[in-house]
N, C-alpha and C. Protein backbone atom coordinates (compact mmCIF):
# COMPACT_ATOMS: atom_id res chain seq x y z
N MET A 1 -18.99 -7.62 -14.95
CA MET A 1 -18.62 -7.01 -13.69
C MET A 1 -18.85 -7.97 -12.52
N GLU A 2 -19.66 -8.98 -12.74
CA GLU A 2 -19.91 -9.92 -11.67
C GLU A 2 -18.62 -10.63 -11.29
N GLY A 3 -18.36 -10.70 -10.01
CA GLY A 3 -17.15 -11.34 -9.53
C GLY A 3 -15.94 -10.43 -9.44
N LEU A 4 -16.08 -9.20 -9.96
CA LEU A 4 -14.96 -8.27 -9.94
C LEU A 4 -14.47 -8.00 -8.53
N PHE A 5 -15.40 -7.77 -7.61
CA PHE A 5 -15.02 -7.41 -6.25
C PHE A 5 -14.48 -8.59 -5.45
N GLN A 6 -14.62 -9.79 -5.97
CA GLN A 6 -14.00 -10.94 -5.32
C GLN A 6 -12.49 -10.89 -5.50
N LYS A 7 -12.03 -10.10 -6.46
CA LYS A 7 -10.60 -9.99 -6.73
C LYS A 7 -9.96 -8.84 -5.99
N VAL A 8 -10.76 -7.98 -5.38
CA VAL A 8 -10.24 -6.81 -4.67
C VAL A 8 -10.12 -7.14 -3.19
N VAL A 9 -8.92 -6.94 -2.64
CA VAL A 9 -8.69 -7.24 -1.23
C VAL A 9 -8.01 -6.05 -0.58
N ALA A 10 -8.60 -5.57 0.51
CA ALA A 10 -7.98 -4.50 1.29
C ALA A 10 -6.94 -5.13 2.21
N VAL A 11 -5.78 -4.51 2.27
CA VAL A 11 -4.70 -5.03 3.11
C VAL A 11 -4.44 -4.03 4.23
N ASP A 12 -4.51 -4.52 5.46
CA ASP A 12 -4.26 -3.68 6.62
C ASP A 12 -2.75 -3.57 6.84
N GLY A 13 -2.26 -2.35 6.87
CA GLY A 13 -0.83 -2.15 7.09
C GLY A 13 -0.58 -0.73 7.56
N ASP A 14 0.67 -0.35 7.61
CA ASP A 14 1.07 0.99 8.03
C ASP A 14 2.11 1.50 7.04
N ILE A 15 1.71 2.39 6.15
CA ILE A 15 2.61 2.84 5.09
C ILE A 15 3.77 3.66 5.62
N THR A 16 3.72 4.06 6.88
CA THR A 16 4.85 4.82 7.44
C THR A 16 6.01 3.90 7.83
N LEU A 17 5.78 2.59 7.79
CA LEU A 17 6.81 1.62 8.17
C LEU A 17 7.42 0.96 6.94
N ASN A 18 8.71 0.66 7.01
CA ASN A 18 9.33 -0.15 5.96
C ASN A 18 8.67 -1.52 5.98
N GLY A 19 8.36 -2.05 4.83
CA GLY A 19 7.66 -3.33 4.78
C GLY A 19 6.18 -3.17 5.05
N LEU A 20 5.74 -1.95 5.29
CA LEU A 20 4.33 -1.60 5.49
C LEU A 20 3.71 -2.24 6.72
N GLY A 21 4.52 -2.80 7.60
CA GLY A 21 3.99 -3.43 8.80
C GLY A 21 3.22 -4.71 8.51
N ILE A 22 3.48 -5.30 7.34
CA ILE A 22 2.80 -6.53 6.93
C ILE A 22 3.70 -7.71 7.27
N SER A 23 3.11 -8.78 7.79
CA SER A 23 3.91 -9.95 8.18
C SER A 23 4.64 -10.53 6.97
N LEU A 24 5.73 -11.23 7.24
CA LEU A 24 6.51 -11.85 6.17
C LEU A 24 5.68 -12.87 5.40
N GLU A 25 4.84 -13.60 6.12
CA GLU A 25 3.99 -14.61 5.48
C GLU A 25 3.00 -13.95 4.51
N GLU A 26 2.32 -12.90 4.98
CA GLU A 26 1.36 -12.22 4.11
C GLU A 26 2.07 -11.52 2.96
N THR A 27 3.23 -10.93 3.23
CA THR A 27 4.01 -10.28 2.18
C THR A 27 4.36 -11.27 1.08
N SER A 28 4.75 -12.47 1.46
CA SER A 28 5.10 -13.50 0.48
C SER A 28 3.91 -13.84 -0.41
N ILE A 29 2.75 -13.97 0.19
CA ILE A 29 1.53 -14.28 -0.58
C ILE A 29 1.20 -13.13 -1.52
N LEU A 30 1.26 -11.91 -1.01
CA LEU A 30 0.92 -10.74 -1.82
C LEU A 30 1.90 -10.56 -2.98
N LYS A 31 3.18 -10.76 -2.72
CA LYS A 31 4.20 -10.55 -3.75
C LYS A 31 4.03 -11.49 -4.94
N SER A 32 3.41 -12.63 -4.72
CA SER A 32 3.24 -13.57 -5.82
C SER A 32 1.85 -13.51 -6.45
N SER A 33 0.96 -12.66 -5.93
CA SER A 33 -0.40 -12.67 -6.45
C SER A 33 -0.98 -11.31 -6.84
N VAL A 34 -0.45 -10.22 -6.33
CA VAL A 34 -1.03 -8.89 -6.59
C VAL A 34 -0.57 -8.37 -7.95
N SER A 35 -1.54 -7.88 -8.74
CA SER A 35 -1.19 -7.30 -10.04
C SER A 35 -1.50 -5.81 -10.12
N ILE A 36 -2.37 -5.32 -9.26
CA ILE A 36 -2.71 -3.89 -9.25
C ILE A 36 -2.73 -3.40 -7.81
N VAL A 37 -2.07 -2.29 -7.56
CA VAL A 37 -2.08 -1.66 -6.23
C VAL A 37 -2.87 -0.37 -6.33
N PHE A 38 -3.91 -0.25 -5.52
CA PHE A 38 -4.67 0.99 -5.40
C PHE A 38 -4.24 1.66 -4.10
N HIS A 39 -3.53 2.76 -4.20
CA HIS A 39 -3.03 3.47 -3.02
C HIS A 39 -4.10 4.48 -2.59
N SER A 40 -4.70 4.22 -1.45
CA SER A 40 -5.73 5.14 -0.94
C SER A 40 -5.44 5.59 0.49
N ALA A 41 -4.27 5.28 0.99
CA ALA A 41 -3.91 5.68 2.35
C ALA A 41 -3.44 7.12 2.35
N ALA A 42 -3.97 7.90 3.28
CA ALA A 42 -3.56 9.30 3.38
C ALA A 42 -4.04 9.89 4.70
N ASN A 43 -3.31 10.89 5.14
CA ASN A 43 -3.74 11.68 6.29
C ASN A 43 -4.38 12.94 5.70
N ILE A 44 -5.67 13.10 5.91
CA ILE A 44 -6.37 14.25 5.33
C ILE A 44 -6.87 15.22 6.41
N ARG A 45 -6.31 15.08 7.62
CA ARG A 45 -6.71 15.99 8.69
C ARG A 45 -6.13 17.38 8.41
N PHE A 46 -6.96 18.37 8.43
CA PHE A 46 -6.53 19.73 8.14
C PHE A 46 -5.74 20.35 9.28
N ASN A 47 -5.87 19.80 10.48
CA ASN A 47 -5.15 20.35 11.62
C ASN A 47 -3.91 19.53 12.00
N ALA A 48 -3.50 18.63 11.14
CA ALA A 48 -2.32 17.80 11.42
C ALA A 48 -1.05 18.62 11.24
N ARG A 49 -0.02 18.26 12.01
CA ARG A 49 1.28 18.93 11.87
C ARG A 49 1.92 18.55 10.54
N LEU A 50 2.71 19.45 9.99
CA LEU A 50 3.36 19.22 8.71
C LEU A 50 4.21 17.94 8.74
N GLU A 51 4.93 17.71 9.84
CA GLU A 51 5.77 16.52 9.95
C GLU A 51 4.94 15.25 9.83
N GLU A 52 3.76 15.27 10.46
CA GLU A 52 2.85 14.13 10.41
C GLU A 52 2.38 13.89 8.97
N LEU A 53 2.01 14.97 8.30
CA LEU A 53 1.52 14.87 6.93
C LEU A 53 2.61 14.37 5.98
N LEU A 54 3.82 14.87 6.15
CA LEU A 54 4.93 14.42 5.31
C LEU A 54 5.23 12.95 5.54
N LYS A 55 5.19 12.52 6.80
CA LYS A 55 5.48 11.12 7.11
C LYS A 55 4.47 10.19 6.46
N SER A 56 3.20 10.50 6.58
CA SER A 56 2.19 9.59 6.04
C SER A 56 1.96 9.77 4.54
N ASN A 57 1.88 11.00 4.08
CA ASN A 57 1.49 11.23 2.69
C ASN A 57 2.65 11.20 1.71
N THR A 58 3.84 11.58 2.14
CA THR A 58 4.99 11.59 1.23
C THR A 58 5.86 10.35 1.45
N GLU A 59 6.37 10.19 2.66
CA GLU A 59 7.21 9.03 2.95
C GLU A 59 6.40 7.73 2.84
N GLY A 60 5.15 7.79 3.26
CA GLY A 60 4.28 6.61 3.18
C GLY A 60 4.08 6.17 1.74
N THR A 61 3.85 7.13 0.86
CA THR A 61 3.70 6.80 -0.56
C THR A 61 4.99 6.21 -1.12
N LYS A 62 6.11 6.79 -0.73
CA LYS A 62 7.42 6.26 -1.17
C LYS A 62 7.60 4.83 -0.69
N ASN A 63 7.26 4.56 0.57
CA ASN A 63 7.37 3.20 1.11
C ASN A 63 6.51 2.22 0.32
N LEU A 64 5.30 2.63 -0.02
CA LEU A 64 4.40 1.75 -0.76
C LEU A 64 4.92 1.50 -2.18
N ILE A 65 5.46 2.53 -2.82
CA ILE A 65 6.03 2.36 -4.16
C ILE A 65 7.21 1.39 -4.10
N GLU A 66 8.09 1.58 -3.13
CA GLU A 66 9.26 0.69 -2.99
C GLU A 66 8.81 -0.75 -2.74
N TRP A 67 7.84 -0.93 -1.88
CA TRP A 67 7.32 -2.27 -1.58
C TRP A 67 6.70 -2.88 -2.83
N SER A 68 5.98 -2.07 -3.59
CA SER A 68 5.29 -2.56 -4.79
C SER A 68 6.25 -3.01 -5.88
N LYS A 69 7.44 -2.46 -5.89
CA LYS A 69 8.44 -2.85 -6.89
C LYS A 69 8.81 -4.33 -6.78
N GLU A 70 8.55 -4.93 -5.63
CA GLU A 70 8.87 -6.34 -5.41
C GLU A 70 7.75 -7.28 -5.86
N LEU A 71 6.62 -6.73 -6.28
CA LEU A 71 5.50 -7.56 -6.70
C LEU A 71 5.80 -8.20 -8.05
N GLU A 72 5.73 -9.50 -8.11
CA GLU A 72 6.11 -10.25 -9.31
C GLU A 72 5.17 -10.02 -10.49
N LYS A 73 3.89 -9.74 -10.20
CA LYS A 73 2.89 -9.62 -11.27
C LYS A 73 2.34 -8.21 -11.42
N LEU A 74 3.03 -7.23 -10.87
CA LEU A 74 2.52 -5.86 -10.88
C LEU A 74 2.34 -5.34 -12.30
N LYS A 75 1.11 -4.87 -12.59
CA LYS A 75 0.79 -4.28 -13.89
C LYS A 75 0.48 -2.80 -13.76
N ALA A 76 -0.03 -2.39 -12.58
CA ALA A 76 -0.42 -0.99 -12.41
C ALA A 76 -0.35 -0.58 -10.94
N PHE A 77 0.03 0.67 -10.73
CA PHE A 77 0.03 1.30 -9.41
C PHE A 77 -0.86 2.52 -9.55
N VAL A 78 -1.99 2.51 -8.86
CA VAL A 78 -2.98 3.59 -9.00
C VAL A 78 -3.07 4.34 -7.69
């Protein structure tokens, strides 16, 4: 298990945007190196409007799945 967390990198982005709001340079690096995507982005506010929840939790997940399809080494989407 030693060294495992050296392989895990959090990526700052916005799943509500096409391309996830990630720069082209960073996207290029990620597309050639990422093998596992852990999707943990979500709006969990209980008082959020339905439109807000759909945009982040449904459309956002779809955006991330579509973006992940371009990953050259993708083995798993969790």
